Amino acid sequence: MEKNQSKGDKQMVAEWIENGAVVVDVRTKSEFADGHFPGSINIPVDVLPNELGLLKNKQSKIIVYCRSGARSERAKQILSASGYLFVINAGGLSDLPNAR
């Protein structure tokens, strides 16, 4: 398994989702309210360093996404620097698979 991918390929993202990865939407609360990936949790990238306790297991597979992939890349870097081992930047919401 590859650790801490930059923008992950869609097949790997889909496999991780199928296997129960934590999906984190790092957009703002209002963007999240306007629509988000089913089952994702919202932790805006600006507060992520203070909310790492919500992601307890540093060995869990974590998929981060935003609108375009820029904020999720920042989130991936924050998580990696904090010791999370398996993080994929899925890019934007539209890059995620439509169905589980």
N, C-alpha and C. Protein backbone atom coordinates (compact mmCIF):
# COMPACT_ATOMS: atom_id res chain seq x y z
N MET A 1 0.84 -1.18 0.00
CA MET A 1 0.00 0.00 0.00
C MET A 1 0.89 1.24 0.00
N GLU A 2 0.55 2.17 -0.83
CA GLU A 2 1.34 3.39 -0.91
C GLU A 2 0.84 4.38 0.12
N LYS A 3 1.77 5.05 0.74
CA LYS A 3 1.42 6.00 1.79
C LYS A 3 1.31 7.40 1.23
N ASN A 4 0.39 8.16 1.77
CA ASN A 4 0.28 9.60 1.55
C ASN A 4 0.45 10.02 0.10
N GLN A 5 -0.46 9.54 -0.72
CA GLN A 5 -0.48 9.90 -2.13
C GLN A 5 -0.79 11.38 -2.28
N SER A 6 -0.26 11.99 -3.33
CA SER A 6 -0.76 13.31 -3.69
C SER A 6 -2.14 13.05 -4.27
N LYS A 7 -2.52 13.68 -5.33
CA LYS A 7 -3.88 13.44 -5.82
C LYS A 7 -4.00 11.97 -6.21
N GLY A 8 -4.86 11.26 -5.50
CA GLY A 8 -4.99 9.82 -5.68
C GLY A 8 -5.72 9.47 -6.96
N ASP A 9 -5.40 8.29 -7.50
CA ASP A 9 -6.13 7.88 -8.68
C ASP A 9 -7.52 7.43 -8.26
N LYS A 10 -8.46 7.57 -9.19
CA LYS A 10 -9.87 7.33 -8.87
C LYS A 10 -10.12 5.89 -8.44
N GLN A 11 -9.41 4.94 -9.01
CA GLN A 11 -9.62 3.54 -8.63
C GLN A 11 -9.20 3.31 -7.18
N MET A 12 -8.05 3.88 -6.77
CA MET A 12 -7.60 3.72 -5.39
C MET A 12 -8.57 4.40 -4.43
N VAL A 13 -9.05 5.58 -4.80
CA VAL A 13 -10.02 6.29 -3.96
C VAL A 13 -11.27 5.43 -3.79
N ALA A 14 -11.76 4.88 -4.89
CA ALA A 14 -12.97 4.04 -4.83
C ALA A 14 -12.74 2.80 -3.95
N GLU A 15 -11.58 2.18 -4.08
CA GLU A 15 -11.27 1.00 -3.26
C GLU A 15 -11.21 1.36 -1.78
N TRP A 16 -10.57 2.48 -1.48
CA TRP A 16 -10.48 2.90 -0.07
C TRP A 16 -11.87 3.17 0.49
N ILE A 17 -12.73 3.83 -0.30
CA ILE A 17 -14.09 4.11 0.16
C ILE A 17 -14.83 2.80 0.41
N GLU A 18 -14.72 1.87 -0.52
CA GLU A 18 -15.38 0.57 -0.36
C GLU A 18 -14.91 -0.15 0.91
N ASN A 19 -13.66 0.07 1.28
CA ASN A 19 -13.09 -0.59 2.45
C ASN A 19 -13.19 0.24 3.72
N GLY A 20 -14.04 1.27 3.70
CA GLY A 20 -14.35 1.99 4.93
C GLY A 20 -13.43 3.14 5.30
N ALA A 21 -12.73 3.72 4.32
CA ALA A 21 -11.88 4.87 4.62
C ALA A 21 -12.72 6.03 5.18
N VAL A 22 -12.09 6.85 5.99
CA VAL A 22 -12.72 8.06 6.49
C VAL A 22 -12.62 9.10 5.38
N VAL A 23 -13.76 9.67 4.98
CA VAL A 23 -13.78 10.69 3.93
C VAL A 23 -14.00 12.04 4.60
N VAL A 24 -13.05 12.95 4.39
CA VAL A 24 -13.10 14.25 5.05
C VAL A 24 -13.23 15.36 4.01
N ASP A 25 -14.30 16.13 4.13
CA ASP A 25 -14.55 17.30 3.29
C ASP A 25 -13.89 18.48 4.01
N VAL A 26 -12.89 19.10 3.40
CA VAL A 26 -12.16 20.18 4.07
C VAL A 26 -12.62 21.56 3.60
N ARG A 27 -13.78 21.61 2.94
CA ARG A 27 -14.35 22.90 2.53
C ARG A 27 -15.01 23.57 3.73
N THR A 28 -15.51 24.77 3.52
CA THR A 28 -16.19 25.50 4.59
C THR A 28 -17.50 24.81 4.95
N LYS A 29 -18.02 25.16 6.11
CA LYS A 29 -19.29 24.58 6.56
C LYS A 29 -20.42 24.90 5.58
N SER A 30 -20.43 26.10 5.01
CA SER A 30 -21.50 26.46 4.06
C SER A 30 -21.36 25.68 2.76
N GLU A 31 -20.13 25.45 2.29
CA GLU A 31 -19.94 24.63 1.09
C GLU A 31 -20.42 23.20 1.36
N PHE A 32 -20.09 22.68 2.54
CA PHE A 32 -20.50 21.33 2.93
C PHE A 32 -22.03 21.24 2.96
N ALA A 33 -22.68 22.28 3.51
CA ALA A 33 -24.13 22.29 3.61
C ALA A 33 -24.79 22.30 2.23
N ASP A 34 -24.12 22.86 1.24
CA ASP A 34 -24.66 22.93 -0.12
C ASP A 34 -24.58 21.60 -0.85
N GLY A 35 -23.86 20.63 -0.29
CA GLY A 35 -23.75 19.31 -0.90
C GLY A 35 -22.39 18.71 -0.60
N HIS A 36 -22.39 17.42 -0.30
CA HIS A 36 -21.14 16.75 0.07
C HIS A 36 -21.23 15.26 -0.26
N PHE A 37 -20.09 14.60 -0.19
CA PHE A 37 -20.05 13.17 -0.44
C PHE A 37 -20.77 12.45 0.70
N PRO A 38 -21.65 11.49 0.38
CA PRO A 38 -22.39 10.78 1.43
C PRO A 38 -21.45 10.13 2.45
N GLY A 39 -21.72 10.39 3.71
CA GLY A 39 -20.93 9.79 4.78
C GLY A 39 -19.66 10.54 5.14
N SER A 40 -19.37 11.61 4.40
CA SER A 40 -18.16 12.37 4.71
C SER A 40 -18.37 13.22 5.96
N ILE A 41 -17.26 13.56 6.59
CA ILE A 41 -17.31 14.48 7.73
C ILE A 41 -16.68 15.80 7.30
N ASN A 42 -17.15 16.87 7.87
CA ASN A 42 -16.67 18.21 7.49
C ASN A 42 -15.72 18.74 8.55
N ILE A 43 -14.47 18.90 8.15
CA ILE A 43 -13.47 19.55 8.98
C ILE A 43 -12.77 20.57 8.08
N PRO A 44 -13.21 21.82 8.09
CA PRO A 44 -12.58 22.82 7.22
C PRO A 44 -11.06 22.87 7.44
N VAL A 45 -10.32 23.02 6.34
CA VAL A 45 -8.87 22.96 6.41
C VAL A 45 -8.30 24.00 7.39
N ASP A 46 -8.97 25.14 7.53
CA ASP A 46 -8.47 26.19 8.42
C ASP A 46 -8.51 25.79 9.89
N VAL A 47 -9.39 24.86 10.24
CA VAL A 47 -9.47 24.42 11.65
C VAL A 47 -8.90 23.01 11.84
N LEU A 48 -8.49 22.37 10.77
CA LEU A 48 -8.02 21.00 10.84
C LEU A 48 -6.92 20.79 11.89
N PRO A 49 -5.91 21.65 11.97
CA PRO A 49 -4.86 21.40 12.99
C PRO A 49 -5.41 21.33 14.42
N ASN A 50 -6.51 22.03 14.69
CA ASN A 50 -7.10 22.04 16.02
C ASN A 50 -8.12 20.93 16.22
N GLU A 51 -8.48 20.23 15.15
CA GLU A 51 -9.53 19.21 15.21
C GLU A 51 -9.01 17.81 14.91
N LEU A 52 -7.71 17.60 15.01
CA LEU A 52 -7.13 16.30 14.69
C LEU A 52 -7.67 15.19 15.60
N GLY A 53 -8.16 15.55 16.77
CA GLY A 53 -8.73 14.56 17.68
C GLY A 53 -9.94 13.84 17.10
N LEU A 54 -10.58 14.45 16.09
CA LEU A 54 -11.72 13.80 15.45
C LEU A 54 -11.27 12.61 14.60
N LEU A 55 -9.99 12.60 14.25
CA LEU A 55 -9.42 11.51 13.45
C LEU A 55 -8.46 10.75 14.34
N LYS A 56 -9.01 9.91 15.18
CA LYS A 56 -8.24 9.30 16.27
C LYS A 56 -7.14 8.35 15.81
N ASN A 57 -7.43 7.49 14.85
CA ASN A 57 -6.48 6.46 14.46
C ASN A 57 -5.56 6.94 13.35
N LYS A 58 -4.30 7.12 13.67
CA LYS A 58 -3.35 7.63 12.67
C LYS A 58 -3.00 6.59 11.61
N GLN A 59 -3.50 5.35 11.78
CA GLN A 59 -3.26 4.33 10.76
C GLN A 59 -4.49 4.08 9.90
N SER A 60 -5.55 4.83 10.14
CA SER A 60 -6.75 4.72 9.29
C SER A 60 -6.45 5.28 7.91
N LYS A 61 -7.19 4.76 6.93
CA LYS A 61 -7.12 5.35 5.60
C LYS A 61 -8.02 6.57 5.59
N ILE A 62 -7.48 7.69 5.15
CA ILE A 62 -8.22 8.95 5.14
C ILE A 62 -8.18 9.53 3.73
N ILE A 63 -9.35 9.90 3.23
CA ILE A 63 -9.48 10.56 1.93
C ILE A 63 -9.93 11.98 2.19
N VAL A 64 -9.20 12.96 1.68
CA VAL A 64 -9.59 14.36 1.83
C VAL A 64 -9.98 14.92 0.47
N TYR A 65 -10.97 15.80 0.48
CA TYR A 65 -11.37 16.47 -0.76
C TYR A 65 -11.88 17.87 -0.45
N CYS A 66 -11.90 18.71 -1.48
CA CYS A 66 -12.44 20.07 -1.35
C CYS A 66 -13.20 20.40 -2.64
N ARG A 67 -13.02 21.58 -3.19
CA ARG A 67 -13.68 21.94 -4.44
C ARG A 67 -12.79 21.61 -5.63
N SER A 68 -11.49 21.97 -5.52
CA SER A 68 -10.60 21.80 -6.68
C SER A 68 -9.41 20.89 -6.41
N GLY A 69 -9.10 20.67 -5.14
CA GLY A 69 -7.94 19.85 -4.80
C GLY A 69 -6.84 20.61 -4.09
N ALA A 70 -6.91 21.94 -4.09
CA ALA A 70 -5.85 22.74 -3.45
C ALA A 70 -5.94 22.69 -1.93
N ARG A 71 -7.12 22.93 -1.38
CA ARG A 71 -7.26 22.87 0.08
C ARG A 71 -7.06 21.45 0.59
N SER A 72 -7.51 20.47 -0.18
CA SER A 72 -7.32 19.09 0.26
C SER A 72 -5.85 18.69 0.21
N GLU A 73 -5.08 19.27 -0.69
CA GLU A 73 -3.63 19.01 -0.69
C GLU A 73 -3.01 19.58 0.57
N ARG A 74 -3.45 20.77 0.97
CA ARG A 74 -2.96 21.37 2.22
C ARG A 74 -3.35 20.50 3.41
N ALA A 75 -4.57 19.99 3.40
CA ALA A 75 -5.05 19.11 4.47
C ALA A 75 -4.22 17.84 4.52
N LYS A 76 -3.92 17.28 3.37
CA LYS A 76 -3.10 16.05 3.31
C LYS A 76 -1.73 16.32 3.93
N GLN A 77 -1.15 17.47 3.62
CA GLN A 77 0.16 17.82 4.19
C GLN A 77 0.08 17.98 5.70
N ILE A 78 -0.99 18.60 6.19
CA ILE A 78 -1.18 18.77 7.64
C ILE A 78 -1.28 17.40 8.31
N LEU A 79 -2.09 16.52 7.74
CA LEU A 79 -2.28 15.19 8.33
C LEU A 79 -0.98 14.38 8.29
N SER A 80 -0.29 14.42 7.17
CA SER A 80 0.98 13.69 7.05
C SER A 80 1.99 14.19 8.07
N ALA A 81 2.10 15.50 8.22
CA ALA A 81 3.04 16.08 9.18
C ALA A 81 2.65 15.74 10.61
N SER A 82 1.38 15.42 10.83
CA SER A 82 0.89 15.07 12.17
C SER A 82 0.94 13.57 12.44
N GLY A 83 1.50 12.81 11.50
CA GLY A 83 1.70 11.39 11.74
C GLY A 83 0.67 10.45 11.16
N TYR A 84 -0.28 10.98 10.39
CA TYR A 84 -1.27 10.10 9.74
C TYR A 84 -0.58 9.43 8.56
N LEU A 85 -0.67 8.11 8.50
CA LEU A 85 0.14 7.34 7.56
C LEU A 85 -0.48 7.15 6.17
N PHE A 86 -1.80 7.07 6.10
CA PHE A 86 -2.45 6.73 4.84
C PHE A 86 -3.46 7.80 4.46
N VAL A 87 -3.04 8.76 3.67
CA VAL A 87 -3.88 9.89 3.29
C VAL A 87 -3.84 10.07 1.78
N ILE A 88 -5.01 10.20 1.18
CA ILE A 88 -5.11 10.49 -0.25
C ILE A 88 -5.85 11.81 -0.42
N ASN A 89 -5.32 12.66 -1.29
CA ASN A 89 -6.04 13.84 -1.75
C ASN A 89 -6.83 13.40 -2.97
N ALA A 90 -8.16 13.32 -2.81
CA ALA A 90 -9.01 12.88 -3.92
C ALA A 90 -9.27 14.00 -4.91
N GLY A 91 -8.91 15.23 -4.55
CA GLY A 91 -9.18 16.36 -5.43
C GLY A 91 -10.48 17.04 -5.03
N GLY A 92 -11.33 17.28 -6.01
CA GLY A 92 -12.60 17.95 -5.75
C GLY A 92 -13.74 16.97 -5.55
N LEU A 93 -14.85 17.48 -5.05
CA LEU A 93 -16.04 16.65 -4.82
C LEU A 93 -16.41 15.91 -6.10
N SER A 94 -16.30 16.56 -7.25
CA SER A 94 -16.68 15.93 -8.52
C SER A 94 -15.73 14.80 -8.91
N ASP A 95 -14.55 14.72 -8.27
CA ASP A 95 -13.60 13.65 -8.57
C ASP A 95 -13.91 12.36 -7.81
N LEU A 96 -14.77 12.43 -6.81
CA LEU A 96 -15.10 11.25 -6.02
C LEU A 96 -16.09 10.36 -6.79
N PRO A 97 -16.05 9.05 -6.53
CA PRO A 97 -17.01 8.17 -7.21
C PRO A 97 -18.43 8.50 -6.76
N ASN A 98 -19.38 8.35 -7.67
CA ASN A 98 -20.77 8.72 -7.37
C ASN A 98 -21.47 7.75 -6.44
N ALA A 99 -21.07 6.50 -6.51
CA ALA A 99 -21.76 5.50 -5.69
C ALA A 99 -20.74 4.71 -4.90
N ARG A 100 -21.20 4.23 -3.77
CA ARG A 100 -20.32 3.39 -2.93
C ARG A 100 -20.41 1.97 -3.38
